[in-house]
């Protein structure tokens, strides 16, 4: 995949592009080298290979985080391969956590592969359109009540235990008294 620099005239395919696809891409990935630290967000329509450190969000077409990569921020891309360290959320259509990866944050995905030895602490949520999921919906979905609904129901102590039970089922880590 990122093993050698393409020679003049070679065709280069994107990480997510299938061989024999309609268009052969000539894009070469943007590489953030091992000695480089970026403070701020990074955006690209193409591929990015990160071997350095990024303190900010990454939004691109496809992303390869190398062994020495460190990202503190959110990651959004169609194809994501992680070998390094991410502290933040990951949103991708196809996400692969390789054996040496270290992830601390939630993953919203359509397809997720986790190799043995990978470290992942967070929540994983599968969705058909992970790139369209809003940040606020990354947690457990909660019902939305209109003010008219709340006003029309009498408030009594019998409804309080139901609210506590709802929190416990929506959030498995919640402690109720």
N, C-alpha and C. Protein backbone atom coordinates (compact mmCIF):
# COMPACT_ATOMS: atom_id res chain seq x y z
N UNK A 1 0.83 -1.17 0.00
CA UNK A 1 0.00 0.00 0.00
C UNK A 1 0.88 1.24 0.00
N UNK A 2 1.59 1.54 1.05
CA UNK A 2 2.47 2.69 1.11
C UNK A 2 3.91 2.18 1.23
N UNK A 3 4.28 1.22 0.41
CA UNK A 3 5.57 0.60 0.58
C UNK A 3 6.66 1.26 -0.25
N UNK A 4 6.32 1.84 -1.42
CA UNK A 4 7.34 2.49 -2.22
C UNK A 4 6.74 3.69 -2.94
N UNK A 5 7.60 4.62 -3.30
CA UNK A 5 7.14 5.80 -4.04
C UNK A 5 6.87 5.38 -5.48
N UNK A 6 5.72 5.77 -6.03
CA UNK A 6 5.41 5.38 -7.39
C UNK A 6 6.36 6.02 -8.40
N UNK A 7 6.71 5.27 -9.41
CA UNK A 7 7.55 5.77 -10.49
C UNK A 7 6.68 6.54 -11.47
N UNK A 8 7.30 7.36 -12.31
CA UNK A 8 6.56 8.11 -13.33
C UNK A 8 5.85 7.12 -14.25
N UNK A 9 4.58 7.34 -14.48
CA UNK A 9 3.80 6.46 -15.36
C UNK A 9 3.07 5.35 -14.61
N UNK A 10 3.43 5.09 -13.34
CA UNK A 10 2.72 4.08 -12.55
C UNK A 10 1.35 4.61 -12.17
N UNK A 11 0.37 3.72 -12.11
CA UNK A 11 -0.93 4.15 -11.63
C UNK A 11 -1.01 3.88 -10.14
N UNK A 12 -1.58 4.82 -9.43
CA UNK A 12 -1.70 4.73 -7.98
C UNK A 12 -3.18 4.65 -7.65
N UNK A 13 -3.56 3.68 -6.81
CA UNK A 13 -4.96 3.58 -6.41
C UNK A 13 -5.10 4.02 -4.98
N UNK A 14 -6.23 4.60 -4.68
CA UNK A 14 -6.52 5.02 -3.32
C UNK A 14 -6.75 3.80 -2.46
N UNK A 15 -6.59 3.97 -1.13
CA UNK A 15 -6.79 2.85 -0.21
C UNK A 15 -8.15 2.22 -0.38
N UNK A 16 -9.20 3.01 -0.52
CA UNK A 16 -10.55 2.48 -0.59
C UNK A 16 -11.00 2.11 -1.99
N UNK A 17 -10.22 2.45 -3.00
CA UNK A 17 -10.63 2.20 -4.38
C UNK A 17 -10.36 0.76 -4.76
N UNK A 18 -11.30 0.14 -5.39
CA UNK A 18 -11.16 -1.24 -5.83
C UNK A 18 -10.32 -1.30 -7.10
N UNK A 19 -9.50 -2.33 -7.24
CA UNK A 19 -8.73 -2.49 -8.46
C UNK A 19 -9.68 -2.72 -9.61
N UNK A 20 -9.37 -2.17 -10.75
CA UNK A 20 -10.25 -2.31 -11.90
C UNK A 20 -11.41 -1.35 -11.85
N UNK A 21 -11.32 -0.32 -11.01
CA UNK A 21 -12.39 0.67 -10.88
C UNK A 21 -12.47 1.52 -12.13
N UNK A 22 -13.46 2.38 -12.17
CA UNK A 22 -13.69 3.19 -13.35
C UNK A 22 -12.56 4.18 -13.61
N UNK A 23 -11.98 4.75 -12.56
CA UNK A 23 -10.91 5.73 -12.78
C UNK A 23 -9.67 5.32 -12.00
N UNK A 24 -8.54 5.35 -12.68
CA UNK A 24 -7.28 5.08 -12.01
C UNK A 24 -6.77 6.39 -11.44
N UNK A 25 -6.56 6.44 -10.16
CA UNK A 25 -6.17 7.68 -9.49
C UNK A 25 -4.67 7.89 -9.63
N UNK A 26 -4.28 9.14 -9.82
CA UNK A 26 -2.87 9.50 -9.89
C UNK A 26 -2.43 10.21 -8.61
N UNK A 27 -3.31 10.18 -7.60
CA UNK A 27 -3.01 10.90 -6.37
C UNK A 27 -1.99 10.15 -5.53
N UNK A 28 -1.03 10.88 -5.05
CA UNK A 28 -0.04 10.34 -4.12
C UNK A 28 -0.46 10.83 -2.74
N UNK A 29 -0.37 9.98 -1.71
CA UNK A 29 -0.81 10.42 -0.38
C UNK A 29 0.04 11.56 0.16
N UNK A 30 -0.60 12.43 0.91
CA UNK A 30 0.13 13.46 1.64
C UNK A 30 0.72 12.78 2.87
N UNK A 31 2.00 12.98 3.10
CA UNK A 31 2.67 12.28 4.20
C UNK A 31 3.11 13.29 5.25
N UNK A 32 2.71 13.00 6.48
CA UNK A 32 3.14 13.79 7.64
C UNK A 32 4.19 12.95 8.33
N UNK A 33 5.43 13.34 8.16
CA UNK A 33 6.57 12.55 8.61
C UNK A 33 6.70 12.42 10.10
N UNK A 34 7.56 11.48 10.50
CA UNK A 34 7.75 11.13 11.91
C UNK A 34 8.21 12.31 12.76
N UNK A 35 8.99 13.19 12.23
CA UNK A 35 9.51 14.31 13.01
C UNK A 35 8.61 15.53 13.02
N UNK A 36 7.46 15.45 12.36
CA UNK A 36 6.59 16.62 12.21
C UNK A 36 5.45 16.60 13.22
N UNK A 37 5.22 17.74 13.88
CA UNK A 37 4.07 17.92 14.78
C UNK A 37 3.22 19.04 14.22
N UNK A 38 1.92 18.77 14.06
CA UNK A 38 0.98 19.78 13.59
C UNK A 38 0.00 20.07 14.71
N UNK A 39 -0.14 21.36 15.03
CA UNK A 39 -1.14 21.80 16.00
C UNK A 39 -2.20 22.53 15.20
N UNK A 40 -3.37 21.90 15.07
CA UNK A 40 -4.45 22.45 14.27
C UNK A 40 -5.09 21.35 13.46
N UNK A 41 -6.16 21.68 12.78
CA UNK A 41 -6.91 20.69 12.01
C UNK A 41 -6.25 20.45 10.65
N UNK A 42 -6.42 19.22 10.15
CA UNK A 42 -5.87 18.83 8.86
C UNK A 42 -7.02 18.34 8.00
N UNK A 43 -7.12 18.85 6.76
CA UNK A 43 -8.18 18.44 5.86
C UNK A 43 -7.62 18.17 4.47
N UNK A 44 -8.13 17.12 3.83
CA UNK A 44 -7.72 16.78 2.48
C UNK A 44 -8.83 15.97 1.82
N UNK A 45 -8.98 16.11 0.50
CA UNK A 45 -9.94 15.29 -0.22
C UNK A 45 -9.33 13.94 -0.56
N UNK A 46 -8.03 13.83 -0.50
CA UNK A 46 -7.33 12.60 -0.86
C UNK A 46 -6.87 11.80 0.34
N UNK A 47 -5.75 11.11 0.14
CA UNK A 47 -5.18 10.25 1.17
C UNK A 47 -4.19 11.02 2.03
N UNK A 48 -4.13 10.64 3.30
CA UNK A 48 -3.12 11.18 4.20
C UNK A 48 -2.48 9.99 4.93
N UNK A 49 -1.16 10.01 4.97
CA UNK A 49 -0.42 9.05 5.79
C UNK A 49 0.25 9.85 6.89
N UNK A 50 -0.01 9.46 8.12
CA UNK A 50 0.54 10.18 9.28
C UNK A 50 1.52 9.28 10.00
N UNK A 51 2.76 9.76 10.12
CA UNK A 51 3.76 9.08 10.94
C UNK A 51 4.20 9.99 12.08
N UNK A 52 3.80 11.25 12.03
CA UNK A 52 4.14 12.23 13.05
C UNK A 52 3.01 12.41 14.05
N UNK A 53 2.87 13.64 14.55
CA UNK A 53 1.89 13.93 15.58
C UNK A 53 0.96 15.05 15.12
N UNK A 54 -0.34 14.86 15.34
CA UNK A 54 -1.32 15.89 15.03
C UNK A 54 -2.15 16.16 16.28
N UNK A 55 -2.19 17.41 16.68
CA UNK A 55 -3.03 17.83 17.79
C UNK A 55 -4.16 18.65 17.20
N UNK A 56 -5.19 17.96 16.75
CA UNK A 56 -6.32 18.58 16.08
C UNK A 56 -7.08 17.50 15.33
N UNK A 57 -8.12 17.90 14.63
CA UNK A 57 -8.96 16.95 13.91
C UNK A 57 -8.40 16.69 12.51
N UNK A 58 -8.69 15.49 11.99
CA UNK A 58 -8.29 15.11 10.64
C UNK A 58 -9.55 14.75 9.88
N UNK A 59 -9.73 15.33 8.70
CA UNK A 59 -10.86 15.03 7.84
C UNK A 59 -10.30 14.81 6.43
N UNK A 60 -10.44 13.58 5.91
CA UNK A 60 -9.86 13.29 4.60
C UNK A 60 -10.60 12.13 3.94
N UNK A 61 -10.17 11.79 2.72
CA UNK A 61 -10.78 10.69 1.99
C UNK A 61 -10.38 9.34 2.57
N UNK A 62 -9.08 9.14 2.76
CA UNK A 62 -8.60 7.91 3.39
C UNK A 62 -7.37 8.25 4.23
N UNK A 63 -7.17 7.47 5.29
CA UNK A 63 -6.15 7.80 6.27
C UNK A 63 -5.41 6.55 6.72
N UNK A 64 -4.09 6.66 6.74
CA UNK A 64 -3.25 5.62 7.31
C UNK A 64 -2.46 6.25 8.44
N UNK A 65 -2.68 5.77 9.66
CA UNK A 65 -1.91 6.23 10.81
C UNK A 65 -0.83 5.19 11.08
N UNK A 66 0.41 5.55 10.81
CA UNK A 66 1.54 4.63 10.96
C UNK A 66 1.86 4.31 12.40
N UNK A 67 2.86 3.44 12.56
CA UNK A 67 3.28 2.96 13.89
C UNK A 67 3.62 4.10 14.85
N UNK A 68 4.24 5.15 14.35
CA UNK A 68 4.69 6.24 15.22
C UNK A 68 3.70 7.40 15.27
N UNK A 69 2.56 7.27 14.62
CA UNK A 69 1.56 8.34 14.57
C UNK A 69 0.89 8.54 15.93
N UNK A 70 0.66 9.82 16.25
CA UNK A 70 -0.09 10.16 17.45
C UNK A 70 -1.07 11.27 17.08
N UNK A 71 -2.36 11.02 17.32
CA UNK A 71 -3.40 11.99 17.01
C UNK A 71 -4.20 12.26 18.28
N UNK A 72 -4.29 13.53 18.65
CA UNK A 72 -5.14 13.94 19.75
C UNK A 72 -6.22 14.81 19.12
N UNK A 73 -7.35 14.19 18.82
CA UNK A 73 -8.43 14.88 18.14
C UNK A 73 -9.29 13.87 17.40
N UNK A 74 -10.30 14.36 16.72
CA UNK A 74 -11.21 13.50 15.99
C UNK A 74 -10.68 13.15 14.62
N UNK A 75 -11.10 11.97 14.12
CA UNK A 75 -10.69 11.50 12.81
C UNK A 75 -11.95 11.17 12.02
N UNK A 76 -12.05 11.71 10.79
CA UNK A 76 -13.17 11.40 9.91
C UNK A 76 -12.62 11.10 8.53
N UNK A 77 -12.91 9.88 8.02
CA UNK A 77 -12.47 9.48 6.69
C UNK A 77 -13.27 8.26 6.27
N UNK A 78 -13.31 8.00 4.96
CA UNK A 78 -14.01 6.80 4.50
C UNK A 78 -13.25 5.55 4.94
N UNK A 79 -11.96 5.50 4.61
CA UNK A 79 -11.11 4.36 4.97
C UNK A 79 -10.09 4.81 6.00
N UNK A 80 -10.03 4.09 7.10
CA UNK A 80 -9.08 4.44 8.17
C UNK A 80 -8.36 3.17 8.60
N UNK A 81 -7.03 3.21 8.55
CA UNK A 81 -6.20 2.12 9.06
C UNK A 81 -5.34 2.73 10.17
N UNK A 82 -5.44 2.15 11.37
CA UNK A 82 -4.72 2.69 12.52
C UNK A 82 -3.68 1.70 12.99
N UNK A 83 -2.43 2.15 13.01
CA UNK A 83 -1.33 1.38 13.60
C UNK A 83 -0.79 2.11 14.82
N UNK A 84 -1.01 3.42 14.88
CA UNK A 84 -0.48 4.25 15.95
C UNK A 84 -1.49 4.52 17.05
N UNK A 85 -1.44 5.74 17.60
CA UNK A 85 -2.23 6.10 18.77
C UNK A 85 -3.23 7.22 18.42
N UNK A 86 -4.48 7.04 18.84
CA UNK A 86 -5.51 8.06 18.66
C UNK A 86 -6.21 8.29 19.99
N UNK A 87 -6.28 9.54 20.42
CA UNK A 87 -7.06 9.92 21.59
C UNK A 87 -8.13 10.87 21.06
N UNK A 88 -9.30 10.32 20.81
CA UNK A 88 -10.40 11.08 20.23
C UNK A 88 -11.31 10.14 19.45
N UNK A 89 -12.38 10.69 18.91
CA UNK A 89 -13.35 9.86 18.20
C UNK A 89 -12.90 9.56 16.78
N UNK A 90 -13.38 8.43 16.27
CA UNK A 90 -13.09 8.01 14.90
C UNK A 90 -14.41 7.75 14.21
N UNK A 91 -14.58 8.35 13.02
CA UNK A 91 -15.76 8.10 12.19
C UNK A 91 -15.28 7.68 10.82
N UNK A 92 -15.68 6.48 10.40
CA UNK A 92 -15.25 6.02 9.09
C UNK A 92 -16.15 4.92 8.57
N UNK A 93 -16.21 4.81 7.25
CA UNK A 93 -16.99 3.74 6.64
C UNK A 93 -16.30 2.41 6.93
N UNK A 94 -15.01 2.33 6.65
CA UNK A 94 -14.23 1.12 6.91
C UNK A 94 -13.08 1.49 7.86
N UNK A 95 -13.09 0.92 9.05
CA UNK A 95 -12.08 1.22 10.06
C UNK A 95 -11.36 -0.07 10.42
N UNK A 96 -10.02 -0.03 10.40
CA UNK A 96 -9.21 -1.19 10.77
C UNK A 96 -8.24 -0.77 11.86
N UNK A 97 -8.29 -1.47 12.98
CA UNK A 97 -7.35 -1.25 14.08
C UNK A 97 -6.35 -2.39 14.06
N UNK A 98 -5.13 -2.08 13.68
CA UNK A 98 -4.12 -3.13 13.60
C UNK A 98 -3.54 -3.42 14.97
N UNK A 99 -2.79 -4.52 15.06
CA UNK A 99 -2.35 -5.08 16.33
C UNK A 99 -1.66 -4.08 17.24
N UNK A 100 -0.84 -3.20 16.70
CA UNK A 100 -0.08 -2.28 17.54
C UNK A 100 -0.80 -0.97 17.83
N UNK A 101 -2.07 -0.82 17.41
CA UNK A 101 -2.80 0.43 17.59
C UNK A 101 -3.26 0.62 19.04
N UNK A 102 -3.48 1.89 19.39
CA UNK A 102 -3.93 2.27 20.73
C UNK A 102 -4.98 3.37 20.54
N UNK A 103 -6.24 3.06 20.83
CA UNK A 103 -7.33 4.00 20.62
C UNK A 103 -8.04 4.26 21.93
N UNK A 104 -8.20 5.53 22.27
CA UNK A 104 -8.99 5.94 23.42
C UNK A 104 -10.05 6.89 22.91
N UNK A 105 -11.22 6.37 22.62
CA UNK A 105 -12.30 7.20 22.11
C UNK A 105 -13.32 6.33 21.40
N UNK A 106 -14.43 6.92 21.04
CA UNK A 106 -15.52 6.19 20.40
C UNK A 106 -15.26 6.02 18.91
N UNK A 107 -15.80 4.92 18.36
CA UNK A 107 -15.68 4.65 16.93
C UNK A 107 -17.07 4.49 16.35
N UNK A 108 -17.38 5.30 15.35
CA UNK A 108 -18.64 5.19 14.62
C UNK A 108 -18.26 4.71 13.23
N UNK A 109 -18.85 3.60 12.79
CA UNK A 109 -18.36 2.93 11.58
C UNK A 109 -19.48 2.19 10.86
N UNK A 110 -19.19 1.78 9.65
CA UNK A 110 -20.05 0.85 8.93
C UNK A 110 -19.42 -0.54 9.01
N UNK A 111 -18.10 -0.59 8.92
CA UNK A 111 -17.36 -1.84 9.01
C UNK A 111 -16.17 -1.62 9.93
N UNK A 112 -15.96 -2.52 10.89
CA UNK A 112 -14.87 -2.38 11.85
C UNK A 112 -14.13 -3.71 11.97
N UNK A 113 -12.81 -3.65 11.83
CA UNK A 113 -11.95 -4.82 12.02
C UNK A 113 -10.93 -4.48 13.10
N UNK A 114 -10.83 -5.35 14.10
CA UNK A 114 -9.88 -5.13 15.19
C UNK A 114 -8.98 -6.35 15.29
N UNK A 115 -7.70 -6.15 15.05
CA UNK A 115 -6.76 -7.26 15.14
C UNK A 115 -6.43 -7.55 16.60
N UNK A 116 -6.05 -8.81 16.83
CA UNK A 116 -5.65 -9.20 18.17
C UNK A 116 -4.42 -8.40 18.58
N UNK A 117 -4.46 -7.86 19.78
CA UNK A 117 -3.36 -7.05 20.29
C UNK A 117 -3.65 -5.55 20.25
N UNK A 118 -4.66 -5.15 19.50
CA UNK A 118 -5.02 -3.74 19.44
C UNK A 118 -5.65 -3.33 20.77
N UNK A 119 -5.38 -2.09 21.19
CA UNK A 119 -5.96 -1.55 22.43
C UNK A 119 -7.06 -0.58 22.02
N UNK A 120 -8.27 -0.82 22.52
CA UNK A 120 -9.41 0.05 22.20
C UNK A 120 -10.22 0.24 23.46
N UNK A 121 -10.31 1.51 23.90
CA UNK A 121 -11.14 1.85 25.03
C UNK A 121 -12.12 2.91 24.59
N UNK A 122 -13.39 2.56 24.55
CA UNK A 122 -14.42 3.47 24.11
C UNK A 122 -15.63 2.68 23.65
N UNK A 123 -16.53 3.35 22.96
CA UNK A 123 -17.73 2.70 22.45
C UNK A 123 -17.59 2.54 20.95
N UNK A 124 -18.16 1.45 20.46
CA UNK A 124 -18.22 1.21 19.03
C UNK A 124 -19.68 1.24 18.62
N UNK A 125 -19.98 1.99 17.56
CA UNK A 125 -21.36 2.06 17.10
C UNK A 125 -21.40 1.90 15.59
N UNK A 126 -22.15 0.92 15.12
CA UNK A 126 -22.29 0.68 13.70
C UNK A 126 -23.47 1.48 13.15
N UNK A 127 -23.26 2.10 12.00
CA UNK A 127 -24.32 2.84 11.33
C UNK A 127 -24.07 2.77 9.83
N UNK A 128 -25.14 2.91 9.05
CA UNK A 128 -25.00 2.85 7.59
C UNK A 128 -24.30 4.08 7.03
N UNK A 129 -24.43 5.22 7.69
CA UNK A 129 -23.81 6.47 7.22
C UNK A 129 -22.98 7.10 8.32
N UNK A 130 -21.82 6.54 8.64
CA UNK A 130 -21.04 7.06 9.77
C UNK A 130 -20.51 8.47 9.56
N UNK A 131 -20.34 8.88 8.30
CA UNK A 131 -19.79 10.21 8.05
C UNK A 131 -20.84 11.30 8.19
N UNK A 132 -22.12 10.91 8.24
CA UNK A 132 -23.21 11.88 8.38
C UNK A 132 -23.73 11.97 9.80
N UNK A 133 -23.20 11.17 10.73
CA UNK A 133 -23.66 11.18 12.12
C UNK A 133 -23.13 12.43 12.80
N UNK A 134 -24.02 13.16 13.46
CA UNK A 134 -23.62 14.37 14.17
C UNK A 134 -22.87 14.01 15.44
N UNK A 135 -21.98 14.87 15.87
CA UNK A 135 -21.18 14.63 17.07
C UNK A 135 -22.05 14.46 18.30
N UNK A 136 -23.16 15.19 18.38
CA UNK A 136 -24.00 15.12 19.57
C UNK A 136 -24.72 13.78 19.67
N UNK A 137 -24.84 13.05 18.55
CA UNK A 137 -25.54 11.77 18.60
C UNK A 137 -24.59 10.61 18.80
N UNK A 138 -23.32 10.89 19.11
CA UNK A 138 -22.35 9.82 19.31
C UNK A 138 -22.66 9.00 20.56
N UNK A 139 -23.33 9.59 21.52
CA UNK A 139 -23.71 8.86 22.73
C UNK A 139 -25.00 8.10 22.52
N UNK A 140 -25.60 7.65 23.59
CA UNK A 140 -26.85 6.92 23.50
C UNK A 140 -27.97 7.86 23.09
N UNK A 141 -28.84 7.40 22.18
CA UNK A 141 -29.94 8.26 21.77
C UNK A 141 -30.93 8.45 22.92
N UNK A 142 -31.44 9.65 23.06
CA UNK A 142 -32.40 9.97 24.11
C UNK A 142 -33.67 10.47 23.44
N UNK A 143 -34.82 10.12 23.99
CA UNK A 143 -36.05 10.65 23.40
C UNK A 143 -36.15 12.16 23.62
N UNK A 144 -36.69 12.84 22.63
CA UNK A 144 -36.87 14.28 22.73
C UNK A 144 -38.32 14.55 23.10
N UNK A 145 -38.52 15.30 24.18
CA UNK A 145 -39.87 15.63 24.64
C UNK A 145 -40.16 17.07 24.31
N UNK A 146 -41.32 17.32 23.74
CA UNK A 146 -41.76 18.68 23.48
C UNK A 146 -42.29 19.26 24.80
N UNK A 147 -42.14 20.56 25.00
CA UNK A 147 -42.66 21.17 26.24
C UNK A 147 -44.14 20.88 26.43
N UNK A 148 -44.91 20.80 25.34
CA UNK A 148 -46.35 20.53 25.48
C UNK A 148 -46.58 19.12 26.04
N UNK A 149 -45.71 18.15 25.69
CA UNK A 149 -45.85 16.79 26.22
C UNK A 149 -45.61 16.77 27.73
N UNK A 150 -44.61 17.53 28.17
CA UNK A 150 -44.27 17.52 29.58
C UNK A 150 -45.33 18.24 30.42
N UNK A 151 -45.89 19.32 29.86
CA UNK A 151 -46.89 20.07 30.60
C UNK A 151 -48.21 19.33 30.73
N UNK A 152 -48.54 18.49 29.76
CA UNK A 152 -49.84 17.82 29.78
C UNK A 152 -49.87 16.64 30.73
N UNK A 153 -48.72 16.15 31.17
CA UNK A 153 -48.69 15.01 32.09
C UNK A 153 -48.49 15.51 33.51
N UNK A 154 -49.27 14.98 34.45
CA UNK A 154 -49.05 15.40 35.84
C UNK A 154 -47.72 14.87 36.34
N UNK A 155 -47.02 15.68 37.08
CA UNK A 155 -45.73 15.27 37.64
C UNK A 155 -45.98 14.67 39.02
N UNK A 156 -45.64 13.41 39.17
CA UNK A 156 -45.76 12.77 40.47
C UNK A 156 -44.53 11.92 40.72
N UNK A 157 -44.39 11.41 41.91
CA UNK A 157 -43.22 10.64 42.26
C UNK A 157 -43.20 9.29 41.58
N UNK A 158 -44.32 8.81 41.09
CA UNK A 158 -44.35 7.52 40.41
C UNK A 158 -43.58 7.56 39.09
N UNK A 159 -43.47 8.74 38.49
CA UNK A 159 -42.74 8.83 37.22
C UNK A 159 -41.23 8.90 37.43
N UNK A 160 -40.76 9.25 38.61
CA UNK A 160 -39.33 9.37 38.87
C UNK A 160 -38.58 8.05 38.71
N UNK A 161 -39.08 6.89 39.24
CA UNK A 161 -38.32 5.66 39.05
C UNK A 161 -38.20 5.28 37.58
N UNK A 162 -39.22 5.57 36.76
CA UNK A 162 -39.12 5.25 35.35
C UNK A 162 -37.99 6.03 34.69
N UNK A 163 -37.79 7.26 35.09
CA UNK A 163 -36.69 8.06 34.53
C UNK A 163 -35.35 7.45 34.92
N UNK A 164 -35.23 6.99 36.15
CA UNK A 164 -33.98 6.36 36.59
C UNK A 164 -33.74 5.07 35.84
N UNK A 165 -34.80 4.27 35.61
CA UNK A 165 -34.64 3.03 34.85
C UNK A 165 -34.25 3.33 33.42
N UNK A 166 -34.82 4.38 32.85
CA UNK A 166 -34.49 4.76 31.48
C UNK A 166 -33.01 5.10 31.36
N UNK A 167 -32.48 5.86 32.32
CA UNK A 167 -31.06 6.21 32.29
C UNK A 167 -30.19 4.97 32.40
N UNK A 168 -30.60 4.01 33.20
CA UNK A 168 -29.80 2.79 33.39
C UNK A 168 -29.77 1.96 32.12
N UNK A 169 -30.89 1.91 31.38
CA UNK A 169 -30.88 1.11 30.15
C UNK A 169 -30.21 1.84 29.02
N UNK A 170 -30.33 3.17 28.95
CA UNK A 170 -29.67 3.94 27.92
C UNK A 170 -28.18 4.03 28.13
N UNK A 171 -27.76 4.06 29.38
CA UNK A 171 -26.34 4.20 29.71
C UNK A 171 -25.98 3.06 30.66
N UNK A 172 -25.41 1.96 30.12
CA UNK A 172 -25.12 0.80 30.96
C UNK A 172 -24.21 1.11 32.14
N UNK A 173 -23.38 2.15 32.03
CA UNK A 173 -22.46 2.48 33.12
C UNK A 173 -23.10 3.36 34.17
N UNK A 174 -24.36 3.76 33.98
CA UNK A 174 -25.01 4.66 34.92
C UNK A 174 -25.35 3.91 36.22
N UNK A 175 -25.19 4.60 37.32
CA UNK A 175 -25.51 4.04 38.62
C UNK A 175 -26.77 4.71 39.11
N UNK A 176 -27.76 3.91 39.48
CA UNK A 176 -29.00 4.46 40.02
C UNK A 176 -29.16 4.05 41.46
N UNK A 177 -29.77 4.92 42.23
CA UNK A 177 -29.93 4.65 43.65
C UNK A 177 -31.29 4.05 43.92
